[in-house]
C-alpha atoms as a PDB file:
ATOM      1  CA  VAL A   1     -17.997   2.315  38.253  1.00  0.00           C
ATOM      2  CA  ARG A   2     -17.368   6.139  38.535  1.00  0.00           C
ATOM      3  CA  VAL A   3     -14.767   5.684  40.885  1.00  0.00           C
ATOM      4  CA  ARG A   4     -13.088   3.234  38.868  1.00  0.00           C
ATOM      5  CA  GLU A   5     -13.077   5.515  36.093  1.00  0.00           C
ATOM      6  CA  ALA A   6     -11.768   8.132  37.674  1.00  0.00           C
ATOM      7  CA  LEU A   7      -9.069   6.064  38.909  1.00  0.00           C
ATOM      8  CA  ALA A   8      -8.186   4.737  34.812  1.00  0.00           C
ATOM      9  CA  LEU A   9      -7.935   8.624  33.999  1.00  0.00           C
ATOM     10  CA  HIS A  10      -5.884   9.294  37.125  1.00  0.00           C
ATOM     11  CA  LEU A  11      -3.394   5.851  36.706  1.00  0.00           C
ATOM     12  CA  LYS A  12      -2.902   6.250  32.601  1.00  0.00           C
ATOM     13  CA  ASP A  13      -0.237   8.429  32.363  1.00  0.00           C
ATOM     14  CA  CYS A  14       1.320   6.336  35.585  1.00  0.00           C
ATOM     15  CA  PRO A  15       4.858   4.721  34.596  1.00  0.00           C
ATOM     16  CA  ASP A  16       5.039   2.663  37.871  1.00  0.00           C
ATOM     17  CA  LEU A  17       1.917   1.448  37.806  1.00  0.00           C
ATOM     18  CA  PRO A  18       2.032  -2.668  38.850  1.00  0.00           C
ATOM     19  CA  ARG A  19       0.904  -4.828  36.039  1.00  0.00           C
ATOM     20  CA  ASP A  20      -1.599  -6.119  37.699  1.00  0.00           C
ATOM     21  CA  VAL A  21      -3.499  -3.523  38.291  1.00  0.00           C
ATOM     22  CA  ALA A  22      -3.005  -1.896  34.874  1.00  0.00           C
ATOM     23  CA  VAL A  23      -4.379  -5.384  33.456  1.00  0.00           C
ATOM     24  CA  SER A  24      -7.624  -5.479  35.901  1.00  0.00           C
ATOM     25  CA  LEU A  25      -8.501  -1.907  34.430  1.00  0.00           C
ATOM     26  CA  ALA A  26      -7.875  -2.817  31.225  1.00  0.00           C
ATOM     27  CA  ARG A  27     -10.184  -5.631  31.774  1.00  0.00           C
ATOM     28  CA  ASP A  28     -13.054  -3.807  33.516  1.00  0.00           C
ATOM     29  CA  VAL A  29     -16.341  -2.515  31.558  1.00  0.00           C
ATOM     30  CA  ALA A  30     -15.253   0.168  28.180  1.00  0.00           C
ATOM     31  CA  SER A  31     -15.412   3.303  30.147  1.00  0.00           C
ATOM     32  CA  VAL A  32     -12.682   2.126  32.958  1.00  0.00           C
ATOM     33  CA  SER A  33     -10.682   0.627  30.639  1.00  0.00           C
ATOM     34  CA  THR A  34     -10.867   2.869  27.313  1.00  0.00           C
ATOM     35  CA  PRO A  35      -7.876   5.073  29.543  1.00  0.00           C
ATOM     36  CA  MET A  36      -5.873   2.583  30.252  1.00  0.00           C
ATOM     37  CA  LEU A  37      -6.220   0.699  26.767  1.00  0.00           C
ATOM     38  CA  GLN A  38      -5.188   3.968  24.962  1.00  0.00           C
ATOM     39  CA  PHE A  39      -2.286   5.590  27.289  1.00  0.00           C
ATOM     40  CA  SER A  40      -1.044   2.743  29.493  1.00  0.00           C
ATOM     41  CA  LEU A  41       2.882   2.049  29.160  1.00  0.00           C
ATOM     42  CA  ALA A  42       2.563  -0.667  31.455  1.00  0.00           C
ATOM     43  CA  LEU A  43       0.179  -3.363  29.420  1.00  0.00           C
ATOM     44  CA  ASP A  44       2.344  -5.009  27.223  1.00  0.00           C
ATOM     45  CA  ASP A  45       1.371  -7.195  23.351  1.00  0.00           C
ATOM     46  CA  ASN A  46       0.084  -9.848  25.273  1.00  0.00           C
ATOM     47  CA  ASP A  47      -2.026  -8.028  27.072  1.00  0.00           C
ATOM     48  CA  LEU A  48      -3.532  -5.729  24.502  1.00  0.00           C
ATOM     49  CA  LEU A  49      -3.654  -9.280  22.522  1.00  0.00           C
ATOM     50  CA  GLU A  50      -6.095 -10.641  25.308  1.00  0.00           C
ATOM     51  CA  ILE A  51      -7.946  -7.496  25.014  1.00  0.00           C
ATOM     52  CA  ILE A  52      -8.475  -7.666  21.623  1.00  0.00           C
ATOM     53  CA  ARG A  53      -9.633 -11.333  21.004  1.00  0.00           C
ATOM     54  CA  GLY A  54     -12.540 -10.491  23.184  1.00  0.00           C
ATOM     55  CA  HIS A  55     -14.434  -9.503  20.633  1.00  0.00           C
ATOM     56  CA  ASP A  56     -14.532  -5.593  22.016  1.00  0.00           C
ATOM     57  CA  ALA A  57     -14.900  -2.986  19.382  1.00  0.00           C
ATOM     58  CA  SER A  58     -14.818  -0.095  22.013  1.00  0.00           C
ATOM     59  CA  LYS A  59     -11.697  -1.754  23.675  1.00  0.00           C
ATOM     60  CA  GLN A  60      -9.830  -2.376  20.073  1.00  0.00           C
ATOM     61  CA  ILE A  61     -10.729   1.112  19.187  1.00  0.00           C
ATOM     62  CA  ALA A  62      -8.956   2.284  21.926  1.00  0.00           C
ATOM     63  CA  ILE A  63      -5.625   0.035  21.323  1.00  0.00           C
ATOM     64  CA  ALA A  64      -5.558   0.398  17.874  1.00  0.00           C
ATOM     65  CA  LYS A  65      -5.526   4.832  18.811  1.00  0.00           C
ATOM     66  CA  ARG A  66      -2.005   4.291  21.125  1.00  0.00           C
ATOM     67  CA  ALA A  67       0.675   5.990  20.438  1.00  0.00           C
ATOM     68  CA  ASP A  68       3.155   3.100  19.586  1.00  0.00           C
ATOM     69  CA  VAL A  69       1.139  -0.210  17.830  1.00  0.00           C
ATOM     70  CA  SER A  70       3.380  -2.923  17.288  1.00  0.00           C
ATOM     71  CA  GLU A  71       3.143  -4.941  14.278  1.00  0.00           C
ATOM     72  CA  THR A  72       1.748  -7.948  16.172  1.00  0.00           C
ATOM     73  CA  VAL A  73      -0.843  -6.091  17.700  1.00  0.00           C
ATOM     74  CA  SER A  74      -1.526  -4.149  14.474  1.00  0.00           C
ATOM     75  CA  ASP A  75      -2.285  -7.943  12.619  1.00  0.00           C
ATOM     76  CA  ALA A  76      -4.644  -8.754  15.613  1.00  0.00           C
ATOM     77  CA  LEU A  77      -6.955  -5.625  14.862  1.00  0.00           C
ATOM     78  CA  VAL A  78      -7.439  -6.659  11.011  1.00  0.00           C
ATOM     79  CA  ASP A  79      -8.013 -10.291  12.034  1.00  0.00           C
ATOM     80  CA  PHE A  80     -10.560  -9.652  14.886  1.00  0.00           C
ATOM     81  CA  GLY A  81     -11.830  -6.331  14.180  1.00  0.00           C
ATOM     82  CA  SER A  82     -14.869  -4.065  12.652  1.00  0.00           C
ATOM     83  CA  ALA A  83     -14.297  -1.280   9.650  1.00  0.00           C
ATOM     84  CA  ASP A  84     -14.465   1.190  12.639  1.00  0.00           C
ATOM     85  CA  VAL A  85     -11.382  -0.734  14.181  1.00  0.00           C
ATOM     86  CA  VAL A  86      -9.740  -1.478  11.330  1.00  0.00           C
ATOM     87  CA  ALA A  87     -10.271   2.622   9.560  1.00  0.00           C
ATOM     88  CA  THR A  88      -8.883   3.874  13.519  1.00  0.00           C
ATOM     89  CA  LEU A  89      -5.591   1.965  13.102  1.00  0.00           C
ATOM     90  CA  VAL A  90      -4.917   3.089   9.173  1.00  0.00           C
ATOM     91  CA  ALA A  91      -5.656   6.509  10.024  1.00  0.00           C
ATOM     92  CA  ASN A  92      -3.409   6.113  13.644  1.00  0.00           C
ATOM     93  CA  THR A  93       0.760   6.996  11.895  1.00  0.00           C
ATOM     94  CA  GLY A  94       1.799   5.511  15.182  1.00  0.00           C
ATOM     95  CA  ALA A  95       0.800   1.937  14.334  1.00  0.00           C
ATOM     96  CA  ARG A  96       2.876   0.023  12.385  1.00  0.00           C
ATOM     97  CA  ILE A  97       1.318  -2.242   9.681  1.00  0.00           C
ATOM     98  CA  SER A  98       2.841  -5.104   7.850  1.00  0.00           C
ATOM     99  CA  GLU A  99       2.726  -5.351   4.435  1.00  0.00           C
ATOM    100  CA  PRO A 100       0.800  -8.594   4.219  1.00  0.00           C
ATOM    101  CA  SER A 101      -2.300  -6.613   7.067  1.00  0.00           C
ATOM    102  CA  LEU A 102      -2.071  -3.913   4.493  1.00  0.00           C
ATOM    103  CA  ASN A 103      -3.184  -6.227   1.881  1.00  0.00           C
ATOM    104  CA  ARG A 104      -5.369  -7.783   3.845  1.00  0.00           C
ATOM    105  CA  ILE A 105      -7.271  -4.646   4.714  1.00  0.00           C
ATOM    106  CA  VAL A 106      -7.529  -3.397   0.944  1.00  0.00           C
ATOM    107  CA  ASP A 107      -8.994  -7.215  -0.086  1.00  0.00           C
ATOM    108  CA  ASP A 108     -12.055  -6.703   2.867  1.00  0.00           C
ATOM    109  CA  TYR A 109     -12.365  -3.468   3.572  1.00  0.00           C
ATOM    110  CA  MET A 110     -12.093  -0.588   0.832  1.00  0.00           C
ATOM    111  CA  ASP A 111     -15.786  -0.937   0.647  1.00  0.00           C
ATOM    112  CA  SER A 112     -15.638   1.583   3.722  1.00  0.00           C
ATOM    113  CA  PRO A 113     -15.153   5.182   3.553  1.00  0.00           C
ATOM    114  CA  ASP A 114     -13.744   5.537   6.499  1.00  0.00           C
ATOM    115  CA  VAL A 115     -11.062   3.060   5.584  1.00  0.00           C
ATOM    116  CA  ARG A 116     -10.284   4.810   2.240  1.00  0.00           C
ATOM    117  CA  ASN A 117      -9.579   8.576   3.883  1.00  0.00           C
ATOM    118  CA  ALA A 118      -7.628   7.351   6.621  1.00  0.00           C
ATOM    119  CA  PHE A 119      -5.824   5.282   3.453  1.00  0.00           C
ATOM    120  CA  ALA A 120      -5.165   8.599   1.517  1.00  0.00           C
ATOM    121  CA  ASP A 121      -4.084  10.105   4.497  1.00  0.00           C
ATOM    122  CA  ARG A 122      -1.654   7.538   5.706  1.00  0.00           C
ATOM    123  CA  PRO A 123       2.262   8.533   5.159  1.00  0.00           C
ATOM    124  CA  ARG A 124       4.696   6.064   3.711  1.00  0.00           C
ATOM    125  CA  LEU A 125       2.739   2.759   2.447  1.00  0.00           C
ATOM    126  CA  PRO A 126       4.470   0.123   0.771  1.00  0.00           C
ATOM    127  CA  VAL A 127       4.675   0.769  -3.419  1.00  0.00           C
ATOM    128  CA  THR A 128       2.858  -2.161  -3.570  1.00  0.00           C
ATOM    129  CA  VAL A 129      -0.056  -1.227  -1.809  1.00  0.00           C
ATOM    130  CA  THR A 130      -0.186   2.078  -3.478  1.00  0.00           C
ATOM    131  CA  GLU A 131      -0.456   0.724  -6.344  1.00  0.00           C
ATOM    132  CA  ARG A 132      -3.489  -1.375  -5.700  1.00  0.00           C
ATOM    133  CA  LEU A 133      -5.254   1.830  -4.124  1.00  0.00           C
ATOM    134  CA  VAL A 134      -4.793   3.604  -7.138  1.00  0.00           C
ATOM    135  CA  ALA A 135      -6.439   0.519  -9.049  1.00  0.00           C
ATOM    136  CA  PHE A 136      -8.969   0.577  -6.681  1.00  0.00           C
ATOM    137  CA  VAL A 137      -9.859   3.815  -7.444  1.00  0.00           C
ATOM    138  CA  THR A 138      -9.442   4.134 -10.824  1.00  0.00           C
ATOM    139  CA  ASN A 139     -12.125   0.715 -11.248  1.00  0.00           C
ATOM    140  CA  SER A 140     -14.094   2.579  -9.062  1.00  0.00           C
ATOM    141  CA  PHE A 141     -14.333   5.324 -10.897  1.00  0.00           C
ATOM    142  CA  GLN A 142     -14.558   3.281 -14.750  1.00  0.00           C
ATOM    143  CA  ASP A 143     -17.599   1.859 -13.365  1.00  0.00           C
ATOM    144  CA  LEU A 144     -19.307   4.990 -12.438  1.00  0.00           C
ATOM    145  CA  LEU A 145     -18.997   6.313 -15.468  1.00  0.00           C
ATOM    146  CA  ILE A 146     -20.110   3.174 -17.152  1.00  0.00           C
ATOM    147  CA  SER A 147     -23.442   3.609 -14.912  1.00  0.00           C
ATOM    148  CA  ARG A 148     -24.006   6.419 -16.460  1.00  0.00           C
ATOM    149  CA  LYS A 149     -24.501   5.878 -20.083  1.00  0.00           C
ATOM    150  CA  GLU A 150     -23.205   9.422 -21.309  1.00  0.00           C
ATOM    151  CA  LEU A 151     -19.693   7.818 -23.018  1.00  0.00           C
ATOM    152  CA  PRO A 152     -19.050   5.080 -24.855  1.00  0.00           C
ATOM    153  CA  VAL A 153     -17.550   2.402 -22.910  1.00  0.00           C
ATOM    154  CA  ASP A 154     -14.591   1.859 -25.271  1.00  0.00           C
ATOM    155  CA  LEU A 155     -13.633   5.815 -24.459  1.00  0.00           C
ATOM    156  CA  ILE A 156     -14.153   5.100 -20.620  1.00  0.00           C
ATOM    157  CA  THR A 157     -11.680   2.368 -20.620  1.00  0.00           C
ATOM    158  CA  GLU A 158      -9.144   4.043 -22.636  1.00  0.00           C
ATOM    159  CA  VAL A 159      -9.011   7.036 -20.707  1.00  0.00           C
ATOM    160  CA  VAL A 160      -9.110   5.353 -17.249  1.00  0.00           C
ATOM    161  CA  ILE A 161      -6.308   2.713 -18.468  1.00  0.00           C
ATOM    162  CA  LYS A 162      -4.568   5.477 -19.399  1.00  0.00           C
ATOM    163  CA  THR A 163      -5.109   7.267 -15.932  1.00  0.00           C
ATOM    164  CA  ARG A 164      -4.294   4.201 -14.031  1.00  0.00           C
ATOM    165  CA  GLU A 165      -0.664   3.988 -15.993  1.00  0.00           C
ATOM    166  CA  ARG A 166      -0.038   7.498 -15.590  1.00  0.00           C
ATOM    167  CA  ALA A 167      -0.387   7.513 -11.849  1.00  0.00           C
ATOM    168  CA  ILE A 168       1.613   4.440 -11.469  1.00  0.00           C
ATOM    169  CA  VAL A 169       4.250   5.511 -13.599  1.00  0.00           C
ATOM    170  CA  THR A 170       4.189   9.017 -10.954  1.00  0.00           C
ATOM    171  CA  LEU A 171       4.283   6.913  -7.986  1.00  0.00           C
ATOM    172  CA  SER A 172       7.558   4.664  -9.525  1.00  0.00           C
ATOM    173  CA  THR A 173       9.428   7.813  -9.455  1.00  0.00           C
ATOM    174  CA  GLU A 174       9.388   8.280  -6.008  1.00  0.00           C
ATOM    175  CA  SER A 175      10.716   4.698  -5.366  1.00  0.00           C
ATOM    176  CA  ASP A 176      14.223   3.473  -4.366  1.00  0.00           C
ATOM    177  CA  ASP A 177      15.740   0.783  -6.617  1.00  0.00           C
ATOM    178  CA  ALA A 178      14.114  -1.746  -4.144  1.00  0.00           C
ATOM    179  CA  SER A 179      10.887  -0.410  -4.462  1.00  0.00           C
ATOM    180  CA  LEU A 180      10.669  -0.008  -8.107  1.00  0.00           C
ATOM    181  CA  ALA A 181      11.754  -3.880  -8.630  1.00  0.00           C
ATOM    182  CA  GLU A 182       9.213  -4.770  -5.576  1.00  0.00           C
ATOM    183  CA  LEU A 183       6.837  -2.569  -7.899  1.00  0.00           C
ATOM    184  CA  VAL A 184       7.665  -4.304 -11.062  1.00  0.00           C
ATOM    185  CA  ARG A 185       7.331  -7.684  -9.987  1.00  0.00           C
ATOM    186  CA  HIS A 186       3.585  -6.626  -8.019  1.00  0.00           C
ATOM    187  CA  LEU A 187       2.811  -5.714 -11.622  1.00  0.00           C
ATOM    188  CA  HIS A 188       3.268  -8.660 -13.381  1.00  0.00           C
ATOM    189  CA  ALA A 189       2.502 -11.061 -11.119  1.00  0.00           C
ATOM    190  CA  ASN A 190      -0.862  -9.119 -10.876  1.00  0.00           C
ATOM    191  CA  GLY A 191      -1.040  -8.626 -15.297  1.00  0.00           C
ATOM    192  CA  ARG A 192      -0.776  -5.353 -15.569  1.00  0.00           C
ATOM    193  CA  LEU A 193       3.342  -4.631 -16.126  1.00  0.00           C
ATOM    194  CA  THR A 194       1.257  -4.685 -19.862  1.00  0.00           C
ATOM    195  CA  PRO A 195       3.704  -2.974 -22.751  1.00  0.00           C
ATOM    196  CA  SER A 196       1.514   0.166 -23.147  1.00  0.00           C
ATOM    197  CA  LEU A 197       2.495   1.163 -19.500  1.00  0.00           C
ATOM    198  CA  ILE A 198       6.217   0.321 -20.362  1.00  0.00           C
ATOM    199  CA  LEU A 199       5.958   2.332 -23.602  1.00  0.00           C
ATOM    200  CA  ARG A 200       4.207   5.330 -21.490  1.00  0.00           C
ATOM    201  CA  ALA A 201       6.956   5.173 -18.712  1.00  0.00           C
ATOM    202  CA  LEU A 202      10.191   5.582 -21.234  1.00  0.00           C
ATOM    203  CA  CYS A 203       7.909   8.438 -23.222  1.00  0.00           C
ATOM    204  CA  MET A 204       7.314  10.062 -19.523  1.00  0.00           C
ATOM    205  CA  GLY A 205      11.610  10.052 -19.028  1.00  0.00           C
ATOM    206  CA  GLU A 206      11.607   6.921 -16.261  1.00  0.00           C
ATOM    207  CA  ILE A 207      14.036   4.901 -17.628  1.00  0.00           C
ATOM    208  CA  ARG A 208      14.538   3.255 -14.443  1.00  0.00           C
ATOM    209  CA  VAL A 209      10.749   1.463 -14.847  1.00  0.00           C
ATOM    210  CA  PHE A 210      11.482   0.380 -18.756  1.00  0.00           C
ATOM    211  CA  GLU A 211      14.738  -1.371 -17.150  1.00  0.00           C
ATOM    212  CA  ALA A 212      13.227  -2.890 -14.638  1.00  0.00           C
ATOM    213  CA  ALA A 213      10.292  -4.008 -16.332  1.00  0.00           C
ATOM    214  CA  VAL A 214      12.373  -5.148 -19.784  1.00  0.00           C
ATOM    215  CA  ALA A 215      14.635  -7.219 -16.508  1.00  0.00           C
ATOM    216  CA  GLU A 216      11.594  -8.965 -15.475  1.00  0.00           C
ATOM    217  CA  LEU A 217      10.258  -9.688 -18.065  1.00  0.00           C
ATOM    218  CA  ALA A 218      12.840 -10.808 -19.949  1.00  0.00           C
ATOM    219  CA  GLY A 219      14.125 -13.173 -16.865  1.00  0.00           C
ATOM    220  CA  VAL A 220      17.623 -11.725 -16.544  1.00  0.00           C
ATOM    221  CA  ARG A 221      19.296  -9.217 -13.583  1.00  0.00           C
ATOM    222  CA  LEU A 222      18.732  -6.030 -14.370  1.00  0.00           C
ATOM    223  CA  ILE A 223      22.565  -4.910 -14.363  1.00  0.00           C
ATOM    224  CA  SER A 224      22.044  -7.682 -17.587  1.00  0.00           C
ATOM    225  CA  ALA A 225      19.478  -5.791 -19.198  1.00  0.00           C
ATOM    226  CA  GLN A 226      20.604  -2.553 -18.876  1.00  0.00           C
ATOM    227  CA  THR A 227      24.028  -3.123 -20.333  1.00  0.00           C
ATOM    228  CA  LEU A 228      21.792  -4.841 -23.726  1.00  0.00           C
ATOM    229  CA  ILE A 229      19.925  -1.551 -23.703  1.00  0.00           C
ATOM    230  CA  HIS A 230      22.087   1.122 -23.538  1.00  0.00           C
ATOM    231  CA  ASP A 231      25.247  -0.855 -25.666  1.00  0.00           C
ATOM    232  CA  GLY A 232      25.089   1.458 -28.242  1.00  0.00           C
ATOM    233  CA  GLY A 233      23.220  -0.670 -31.159  1.00  0.00           C
ATOM    234  CA  GLU A 234      20.544  -2.462 -31.737  1.00  0.00           C
ATOM    235  CA  LEU A 235      21.380  -5.639 -31.515  1.00  0.00           C
ATOM    236  CA  GLY A 236      21.981  -5.779 -27.876  1.00  0.00           C
ATOM    237  CA  LEU A 237      18.269  -3.765 -27.397  1.00  0.00           C
ATOM    238  CA  ARG A 238      16.829  -5.746 -30.077  1.00  0.00           C
ATOM    239  CA  SER A 239      17.429  -9.791 -28.398  1.00  0.00           C
ATOM    240  CA  VAL A 240      16.435  -8.632 -24.542  1.00  0.00           C
ATOM    241  CA  TYR A 241      13.050  -6.733 -25.833  1.00  0.00           C
ATOM    242  CA  GLU A 242      12.264  -9.956 -27.566  1.00  0.00           C
ATOM    243  CA  LYS A 243      12.961 -12.385 -25.077  1.00  0.00           C
ATOM    244  CA  ALA A 244      10.518  -9.808 -23.175  1.00  0.00           C
ATOM    245  CA  GLY A 245       8.328 -10.400 -25.258  1.00  0.00           C
ATOM    246  CA  LEU A 246       7.390  -7.034 -25.951  1.00  0.00           C
ATOM    247  CA  PRO A 247       5.287  -6.132 -29.022  1.00  0.00           C
ATOM    248  CA  PRO A 248       7.465  -5.777 -32.486  1.00  0.00           C
ATOM    249  CA  ALA A 249       4.934  -2.579 -33.652  1.00  0.00           C
ATOM    250  CA  TYR A 250       6.746  -0.715 -30.077  1.00  0.00           C
ATOM    251  CA  PHE A 251      10.073  -1.564 -30.721  1.00  0.00           C
ATOM    252  CA  THR A 252      11.163   1.658 -33.147  1.00  0.00           C
ATOM    253  CA  ALA A 253       9.400   4.220 -31.059  1.00  0.00           C
ATOM    254  CA  VAL A 254      10.999   2.094 -27.768  1.00  0.00           C
ATOM    255  CA  ARG A 255      14.523   2.710 -29.706  1.00  0.00           C
ATOM    256  CA  ILE A 256      14.066   6.304 -30.676  1.00  0.00           C
ATOM    257  CA  ALA A 257      12.794   6.724 -27.078  1.00  0.00           C
ATOM    258  CA  ILE A 258      15.951   6.016 -25.751  1.00  0.00           C
ATOM    259  CA  GLU A 259      18.120   7.610 -27.768  1.00  0.00           C
ATOM    260  CA  VAL A 260      16.350  10.472 -26.804  1.00  0.00           C
ATOM    261  CA  SER A 261      17.392   9.689 -23.641  1.00  0.00           C
ATOM    262  CA  HIS A 262      20.900   9.332 -24.261  1.00  0.00           C
ATOM    263  CA  GLU A 263      21.090  12.555 -25.828  1.00  0.00           C
ATOM    264  CA  THR A 264      18.435  14.529 -22.800  1.00  0.00           C
ATOM    265  CA  GLN A 265      20.576  13.206 -20.332  1.00  0.00           C
END
């Protein structure tokens, strides 16, 4: 074993290593296979997938640390790996992880502090995944505050909702038009595209969020919603506002906020 360990360390970066030699070392005991699995370019995705399906956590972690991990390999690691494997994968910025796999991780592994920390440090998450993380964190914070019984539940709920809405609006400011539309659809599908969120976005000056939300709720194209919202009179805005099913009590505030946005363009 010591000889094979030394051989694996020596050959892990060899660009011309025959594939059969690389595969033989990669299938060996963990101390031999780890350098090959983490570094060898002689192994292709099919080789890695076969080893991942063997359910050896140490080998899966080595694969999750590779400088370049394809979406196919990442999907397999999420399917067959443990929380430690998933945390290693998420922490690896060279790992390409598909949006469905990221959502599966949020569903299955958010109880793991290592996974949560890896998410917090990972750049360029899809906006829908980030919104789910915001919801998870604020819900956990709400549960913690309620369990301490130091504040009224209604007050805690109000503060947490305001915090979540502000975080989501801030998140939307960093999104391009396509990502913003995706975020709004995601919020709507999950019951979180609330009137208070929409009004908060508008009062924070995020007119793009308001436009996209109204278009989504009204079931009209974005360009049509924008035309009606900014047509210079109240009738167009009122018609699309009512079609979106937003509360009549908010309409005056919305109209004034839009007028202010025009004045401060």
